[in-house]
Amino acid sequence: MSSLREADVVTIGESMVLMQPMSEGSLAYAPLFTRSIAGAESNVSIGLSRLGFKVRWISRLGADPFGDVILSTLAGEGIDVSLVERDAAYPTAIYFKEFKGYGDPNVYYYRKGSAVSRLTPRDVEASWLQGAKHLHVTGITPALGPETGDAVKELMKQARQHGMTISFDPNLRRKLWGEEEARATLLSLIPLCDIFLPGIEEAEFLVGEKAETEYGPHFLKLGAKVVVLKLGERGSMGFIGDHSVTAAPFPVTRIVDTVGAGDAFAAGFLSGFLDNGGDLEHDDHLLKALERANFMGSLATQYKGDWEGLPKRDELDRLLSGGKEITR
């Protein structure tokens, strides 16, 4: 595998074809749909790639046209997809969003028996991590098949042996598995990560109701080195050692689609982490990473789609500095 490109970040997970109705209302009455792609790990991959980082995405796709669309889209975003496997026996997953004009969109998955669901620890290869610095995983992949959780755990162990840093976003998806299995599996992965990125509701799901300031120290005791607590419209908190940092939210006046905001947040935080050479020991580094994460998450809520509006590096710098774009 000497021809592999070096990678700042490796991700592993499932990307699906996303179908969205062109008008609001029940899916049952939607006559026209737009087609895109989406998946937590590929969303983060796109976010990081647009910010100038080299990203390698590991997955399995069906040997079908939907798999072709996903590969070509991610390759077009500059992501290394050379290690993605195609499976003629199992399909590429698909999901639908339903917009009713109020609340979060409803999501309907058709991913049972997909190509990724067949992933096992025996499929994990050392080449996946070759020339890479950081591994990002989520709690979605372990929910997809009987051995996918063990495969993610094996990859995290290998990354740790290679001296890589590891981030873990629990990305709880209750529609995919039972609560007890989800809780046990997600908790078992925390000791293997350096950066743990739960939302406030996910933290409560994992360890019960606590004061917000208590979650960080609890997860640090479980083995994480940095805990990033997402507070939604109230911003975020970062915990490291015996101290914490709070980052204020960026106000949003028009929310279009909240799906993908957590992935944008993760991409923003990881980009700040990587920009600082993996150093979050200083409060100012941690605060800047949190502020960028908050800003990226807020941007993601203002457009339809999981990743299409994610900014490139020059756009992000301009927006954060308050500059105006010359459009004509």
Protein backbone atom coordinates (compact mmCIF):
# COMPACT_ATOMS: atom_id res chain seq x y z
CA MET A 1 0.00 0.00 0.00
CA SER A 2 2.92 2.33 -0.62
CA SER A 3 0.79 4.38 -3.00
CA LEU A 4 -1.58 5.48 -0.24
CA ARG A 5 -1.72 9.19 0.39
CA GLU A 6 -0.80 10.39 3.86
CA ALA A 7 -3.81 11.30 5.96
CA ASP A 8 -4.35 13.79 8.74
CA VAL A 9 -7.55 11.96 9.67
CA VAL A 10 -9.01 8.51 9.03
CA THR A 11 -12.74 7.90 9.49
CA ILE A 12 -14.75 4.70 9.24
CA GLY A 13 -18.49 4.42 8.81
CA GLU A 14 -21.47 4.15 6.53
CA SER A 15 -22.57 6.74 4.03
CA MET A 16 -26.05 6.47 2.55
CA VAL A 17 -27.93 7.91 -0.34
CA LEU A 18 -30.22 10.61 1.06
CA MET A 19 -33.63 11.29 -0.49
CA GLN A 20 -35.34 14.55 0.47
CA PRO A 21 -38.76 15.74 -0.71
CA MET A 22 -38.72 18.96 -2.68
CA SER A 23 -41.66 20.27 -0.65
CA GLU A 24 -42.65 20.15 3.02
CA GLY A 25 -45.21 17.66 4.21
CA SER A 26 -45.66 13.95 4.66
CA LEU A 27 -43.43 11.62 2.66
CA ALA A 28 -46.55 9.73 1.66
CA TYR A 29 -47.63 12.65 -0.51
CA ALA A 30 -44.27 13.90 -1.80
CA PRO A 31 -44.16 13.54 -5.60
CA LEU A 32 -40.57 14.70 -6.16
CA PHE A 33 -37.31 14.11 -4.33
CA THR A 34 -33.75 15.36 -4.51
CA ARG A 35 -30.87 12.93 -4.12
CA SER A 36 -27.72 13.50 -2.11
CA ILE A 37 -25.50 11.48 0.22
CA ALA A 38 -25.06 11.57 3.98
CA GLY A 39 -23.45 9.76 6.88
CA ALA A 40 -21.94 11.05 10.09
CA GLU A 41 -18.36 10.07 9.28
CA SER A 42 -18.49 11.17 5.65
CA ASN A 43 -20.04 14.48 6.76
CA VAL A 44 -17.08 15.04 9.09
CA SER A 45 -14.73 13.96 6.31
CA ILE A 46 -16.13 16.57 3.94
CA GLY A 47 -16.00 19.25 6.62
CA LEU A 48 -12.33 18.56 7.33
CA SER A 49 -11.37 18.19 3.69
CA ARG A 50 -12.88 21.58 2.86
CA LEU A 51 -10.80 23.07 5.64
CA GLY A 52 -7.63 21.78 4.02
CA PHE A 53 -7.01 18.49 5.82
CA LYS A 54 -6.16 15.18 4.16
CA VAL A 55 -8.88 12.67 4.98
CA ARG A 56 -9.19 8.93 4.32
CA TRP A 57 -12.68 7.39 4.51
CA ILE A 58 -13.01 3.65 5.17
CA SER A 59 -16.26 1.86 4.37
CA ARG A 60 -18.06 -0.83 2.42
CA LEU A 61 -20.61 -0.07 -0.28
CA GLY A 62 -22.84 -2.14 -2.48
CA ALA A 63 -21.75 -2.77 -6.05
CA ASP A 64 -24.66 -0.64 -7.19
CA PRO A 65 -25.31 2.83 -8.66
CA PHE A 66 -25.91 4.33 -5.20
CA GLY A 67 -22.45 3.19 -4.15
CA ASP A 68 -21.06 4.82 -7.30
CA VAL A 69 -22.71 8.12 -6.34
CA ILE A 70 -21.24 8.08 -2.85
CA LEU A 71 -17.73 7.28 -4.06
CA SER A 72 -17.73 9.91 -6.79
CA THR A 73 -19.13 12.58 -4.44
CA LEU A 74 -16.55 11.98 -1.73
CA ALA A 75 -13.68 11.68 -4.20
CA GLY A 76 -14.85 14.96 -5.70
CA GLU A 77 -14.50 16.52 -2.24
CA GLY A 78 -10.84 15.49 -2.17
CA ILE A 79 -11.30 12.52 0.19
CA ASP A 80 -9.21 9.38 -0.21
CA VAL A 81 -11.68 6.54 -0.91
CA SER A 82 -9.11 4.11 -2.33
CA LEU A 83 -9.65 1.55 0.45
CA VAL A 84 -13.44 1.43 0.23
CA GLU A 85 -14.65 -2.09 -0.59
CA ARG A 86 -17.58 -2.91 -2.88
CA ASP A 87 -19.87 -5.83 -2.05
CA ALA A 88 -22.04 -7.39 -4.75
CA ALA A 89 -24.05 -9.40 -2.22
CA TYR A 90 -25.26 -6.52 0.00
CA PRO A 91 -26.61 -3.09 -0.97
CA THR A 92 -25.71 0.50 -0.28
CA ALA A 93 -27.98 1.96 2.40
CA ILE A 94 -30.55 4.68 1.82
CA TYR A 95 -32.52 7.02 4.03
CA PHE A 96 -35.28 9.61 3.74
CA LYS A 97 -35.87 12.92 5.51
CA GLU A 98 -39.36 14.25 6.11
CA PHE A 99 -39.91 17.98 6.65
CA LYS A 100 -43.25 18.98 8.11
CA GLY A 101 -42.46 22.64 8.76
CA TYR A 102 -42.06 22.29 12.52
CA GLY A 103 -39.50 20.63 14.76
CA ASP A 104 -36.59 18.49 13.62
CA PRO A 105 -36.96 16.47 10.41
CA ASN A 106 -38.17 12.89 10.72
CA VAL A 107 -35.61 10.36 9.48
CA TYR A 108 -36.40 6.93 8.02
CA TYR A 109 -33.51 4.48 7.60
CA TYR A 110 -33.24 1.63 5.12
CA ARG A 111 -29.84 0.30 6.12
CA LYS A 112 -30.51 -3.13 7.62
CA GLY A 113 -28.44 -5.74 5.80
CA SER A 114 -26.31 -3.10 4.08
CA ALA A 115 -22.75 -3.75 2.96
CA VAL A 116 -21.29 -2.08 6.07
CA SER A 117 -23.42 -4.20 8.38
CA ARG A 118 -21.25 -7.19 7.43
CA LEU A 119 -18.07 -5.57 8.78
CA THR A 120 -16.15 -7.70 11.30
CA PRO A 121 -12.92 -7.31 13.29
CA ARG A 122 -11.29 -9.74 10.85
CA ASP A 123 -11.79 -7.18 8.07
CA VAL A 124 -9.71 -4.50 9.83
CA GLU A 125 -6.39 -4.00 8.04
CA ALA A 126 -3.24 -2.21 9.13
CA SER A 127 -3.22 -0.35 5.80
CA TRP A 128 -6.31 1.59 6.89
CA LEU A 129 -4.15 3.58 9.32
CA GLN A 130 -1.00 3.82 7.21
CA GLY A 131 0.53 7.31 7.24
CA ALA A 132 -2.31 8.71 9.38
CA LYS A 133 -2.29 10.92 12.49
CA HIS A 134 -5.82 10.81 13.87
CA LEU A 135 -8.80 8.43 13.86
CA HIS A 136 -12.40 9.61 14.16
CA VAL A 137 -15.21 7.16 14.93
CA THR A 138 -18.87 7.43 15.94
CA GLY A 139 -21.36 5.30 17.83
CA ILE A 140 -23.41 4.73 14.69
CA THR A 141 -21.17 2.11 13.08
CA PRO A 142 -21.35 -0.26 16.10
CA ALA A 143 -25.15 -0.26 15.78
CA LEU A 144 -25.22 -1.45 12.18
CA GLY A 145 -24.40 -5.16 12.43
CA PRO A 146 -23.60 -8.06 14.75
CA GLU A 147 -19.83 -7.47 14.68
CA THR A 148 -19.47 -3.86 13.60
CA GLY A 149 -18.92 -2.70 17.19
CA ASP A 150 -16.07 -5.16 17.62
CA ALA A 151 -14.58 -3.95 14.33
CA VAL A 152 -14.61 -0.33 15.50
CA LYS A 153 -13.07 -1.34 18.82
CA GLU A 154 -10.31 -3.27 17.03
CA LEU A 155 -9.51 -0.29 14.80
CA MET A 156 -9.36 2.02 17.84
CA LYS A 157 -6.96 -0.38 19.56
CA GLN A 158 -4.72 -0.50 16.50
CA ALA A 159 -4.76 3.30 16.24
CA ARG A 160 -3.71 3.54 19.88
CA GLN A 161 -0.84 1.10 19.23
CA HIS A 162 0.26 3.29 16.30
CA GLY A 163 0.42 6.34 18.58
CA MET A 164 -2.51 8.07 16.86
CA THR A 165 -4.99 10.31 18.62
CA ILE A 166 -8.62 9.18 18.54
CA SER A 167 -11.91 11.06 18.72
CA PHE A 168 -15.27 9.44 19.45
CA ASP A 169 -18.70 11.00 18.89
CA PRO A 170 -21.41 8.75 20.39
CA ASN A 171 -23.97 9.96 17.83
CA LEU A 172 -26.74 8.02 19.55
CA ARG A 173 -29.32 6.62 17.11
CA ARG A 174 -32.13 5.02 19.09
CA LYS A 175 -33.81 3.74 15.92
CA LEU A 176 -30.86 1.43 15.24
CA TRP A 177 -30.56 -0.59 18.47
CA GLY A 178 -31.84 -1.23 21.98
CA GLU A 179 -30.97 1.16 24.79
CA GLU A 180 -29.11 -1.30 27.02
CA GLU A 181 -26.94 -2.56 24.17
CA ALA A 182 -26.29 0.99 23.01
CA ARG A 183 -25.32 2.19 26.48
CA ALA A 184 -22.98 -0.72 27.18
CA THR A 185 -21.27 -0.51 23.80
CA LEU A 186 -20.78 3.25 23.81
CA LEU A 187 -19.41 3.26 27.34
CA SER A 188 -16.93 0.52 26.40
CA LEU A 189 -15.42 2.73 23.68
CA ILE A 190 -14.75 5.80 25.85
CA PRO A 191 -11.53 4.41 27.44
CA LEU A 192 -10.11 3.94 23.93
CA CYS A 193 -10.50 7.59 22.84
CA ASP A 194 -8.63 10.81 23.53
CA ILE A 195 -11.48 13.19 22.62
CA PHE A 196 -15.06 12.34 23.59
CA LEU A 197 -17.80 14.47 21.99
CA PRO A 198 -21.23 13.80 23.54
CA GLY A 199 -24.28 16.00 23.38
CA ILE A 200 -25.95 16.83 26.69
CA GLU A 201 -28.78 14.34 26.04
CA GLU A 202 -26.29 11.62 25.10
CA ALA A 203 -24.33 12.24 28.29
CA GLU A 204 -27.50 11.86 30.33
CA PHE A 205 -28.40 8.68 28.43
CA LEU A 206 -25.00 7.17 29.19
CA VAL A 207 -24.57 7.97 32.89
CA GLY A 208 -27.84 9.43 34.12
CA GLU A 209 -28.91 12.93 35.03
CA LYS A 210 -26.17 15.12 36.46
CA ALA A 211 -25.23 18.78 36.59
CA GLU A 212 -23.61 19.83 33.31
CA THR A 213 -20.32 20.50 35.05
CA GLU A 214 -20.25 16.93 36.38
CA TYR A 215 -20.34 15.15 33.03
CA GLY A 216 -16.86 16.19 31.96
CA PRO A 217 -15.04 14.88 35.05
CA HIS A 218 -17.09 11.66 34.92
CA PHE A 219 -16.05 10.85 31.34
CA LEU A 220 -12.47 11.89 32.03
CA LYS A 221 -12.36 9.29 34.80
CA LEU A 222 -13.52 6.68 32.26
CA GLY A 223 -10.38 7.33 30.21
CA ALA A 224 -10.99 10.20 27.80
CA LYS A 225 -8.34 12.94 27.85
CA VAL A 226 -10.61 15.72 26.59
CA VAL A 227 -14.40 15.86 26.89
CA VAL A 228 -16.39 18.19 24.66
CA LEU A 229 -20.00 18.62 25.79
CA LYS A 230 -22.38 19.95 23.14
CA LEU A 231 -25.12 22.15 24.61
CA GLY A 232 -27.01 22.97 21.42
CA GLU A 233 -28.27 26.54 21.29
CA ARG A 234 -26.37 27.28 24.54
CA GLY A 235 -22.92 26.60 23.09
CA SER A 236 -20.47 24.01 24.40
CA MET A 237 -18.09 23.13 27.23
CA GLY A 238 -14.65 21.57 27.14
CA PHE A 239 -13.11 19.62 30.01
CA ILE A 240 -9.47 18.68 30.41
CA GLY A 241 -7.57 17.80 33.57
CA ASP A 242 -9.17 19.61 36.49
CA HIS A 243 -10.59 22.57 34.59
CA SER A 244 -13.22 23.47 32.03
CA VAL A 245 -13.84 26.09 29.36
CA THR A 246 -17.22 27.35 28.14
CA ALA A 247 -17.79 28.71 24.63
CA ALA A 248 -20.80 30.88 23.89
CA PRO A 249 -23.11 29.96 21.00
CA PHE A 250 -23.38 31.78 17.70
CA PRO A 251 -26.94 33.10 17.33
CA VAL A 252 -29.04 31.58 14.55
CA THR A 253 -32.11 33.46 13.31
CA ARG A 254 -33.29 30.90 10.74
CA ILE A 255 -33.09 27.15 11.34
CA VAL A 256 -33.67 25.08 8.21
CA ASP A 257 -32.37 21.59 9.02
CA THR A 258 -30.69 20.45 12.24
CA VAL A 259 -29.50 17.09 10.89
CA GLY A 260 -25.74 17.17 10.36
CA ALA A 261 -25.12 20.00 12.83
CA GLY A 262 -23.33 17.68 15.24
CA ASP A 263 -21.06 16.43 12.45
CA ALA A 264 -20.24 20.01 11.46
CA PHE A 265 -19.47 20.73 15.12
CA ALA A 266 -17.13 17.72 15.24
CA ALA A 267 -15.35 18.82 12.06
CA GLY A 268 -14.93 22.30 13.47
CA PHE A 269 -13.53 21.08 16.77
CA LEU A 270 -11.17 18.56 15.19
CA SER A 271 -9.89 21.17 12.76
CA GLY A 272 -9.00 23.40 15.71
CA PHE A 273 -7.37 20.45 17.46
CA LEU A 274 -5.29 19.62 14.38
CA ASP A 275 -4.40 23.26 13.72
CA ASN A 276 -2.85 23.36 17.19
CA GLY A 277 -0.80 20.25 16.52
CA GLY A 278 -3.02 18.15 18.79
CA ASP A 279 -2.46 20.45 21.78
CA LEU A 280 -5.50 21.36 23.87
CA GLU A 281 -3.65 21.72 27.15
CA HIS A 282 -3.91 25.49 26.99
CA ASP A 283 -7.30 27.06 27.66
CA ASP A 284 -7.01 29.42 24.70
CA HIS A 285 -6.46 26.50 22.29
CA LEU A 286 -9.43 24.62 23.71
CA LEU A 287 -11.62 27.72 23.61
CA LYS A 288 -10.75 28.49 19.97
CA ALA A 289 -11.55 24.90 18.97
CA LEU A 290 -14.89 25.10 20.78
CA GLU A 291 -15.75 28.45 19.21
CA ARG A 292 -15.00 27.13 15.74
CA ALA A 293 -17.07 24.04 16.47
CA ASN A 294 -20.01 26.17 17.65
CA PHE A 295 -19.80 28.29 14.54
CA MET A 296 -19.64 25.32 12.17
CA GLY A 297 -22.60 23.71 13.93
CA SER A 298 -24.64 26.89 13.67
CA LEU A 299 -23.89 27.18 9.96
CA ALA A 300 -25.09 23.62 9.37
CA THR A 301 -28.56 24.38 10.73
CA GLN A 302 -29.10 27.12 8.16
CA TYR A 303 -29.20 25.03 4.97
CA LYS A 304 -30.99 21.93 3.75
CA GLY A 305 -28.73 18.91 3.58
CA ASP A 306 -26.18 17.32 5.86
CA TRP A 307 -22.95 18.82 4.46
CA GLU A 308 -23.59 20.89 1.34
CA GLY A 309 -23.15 24.26 3.05
CA LEU A 310 -19.98 23.43 4.98
CA PRO A 311 -17.42 26.20 4.40
CA LYS A 312 -13.98 26.06 2.85
CA ARG A 313 -11.03 27.44 4.82
CA ASP A 314 -11.07 30.91 3.27
CA GLU A 315 -14.84 31.16 3.73
CA LEU A 316 -14.58 30.11 7.37
CA ASP A 317 -11.83 32.63 8.08
CA ARG A 318 -13.80 35.40 6.39
CA LEU A 319 -17.03 34.58 8.21
CA LEU A 320 -15.34 34.33 11.60
CA SER A 321 -13.60 37.67 11.07
CA GLY A 322 -16.83 39.35 10.01
CA GLY A 323 -15.64 40.05 6.49
CA LYS A 324 -17.99 40.37 3.54
CA GLU A 325 -17.78 38.34 0.35
CA ILE A 326 -17.60 40.08 -3.02
CA THR A 327 -20.20 38.20 -5.09
CA ARG A 328 -20.46 40.39 -8.20
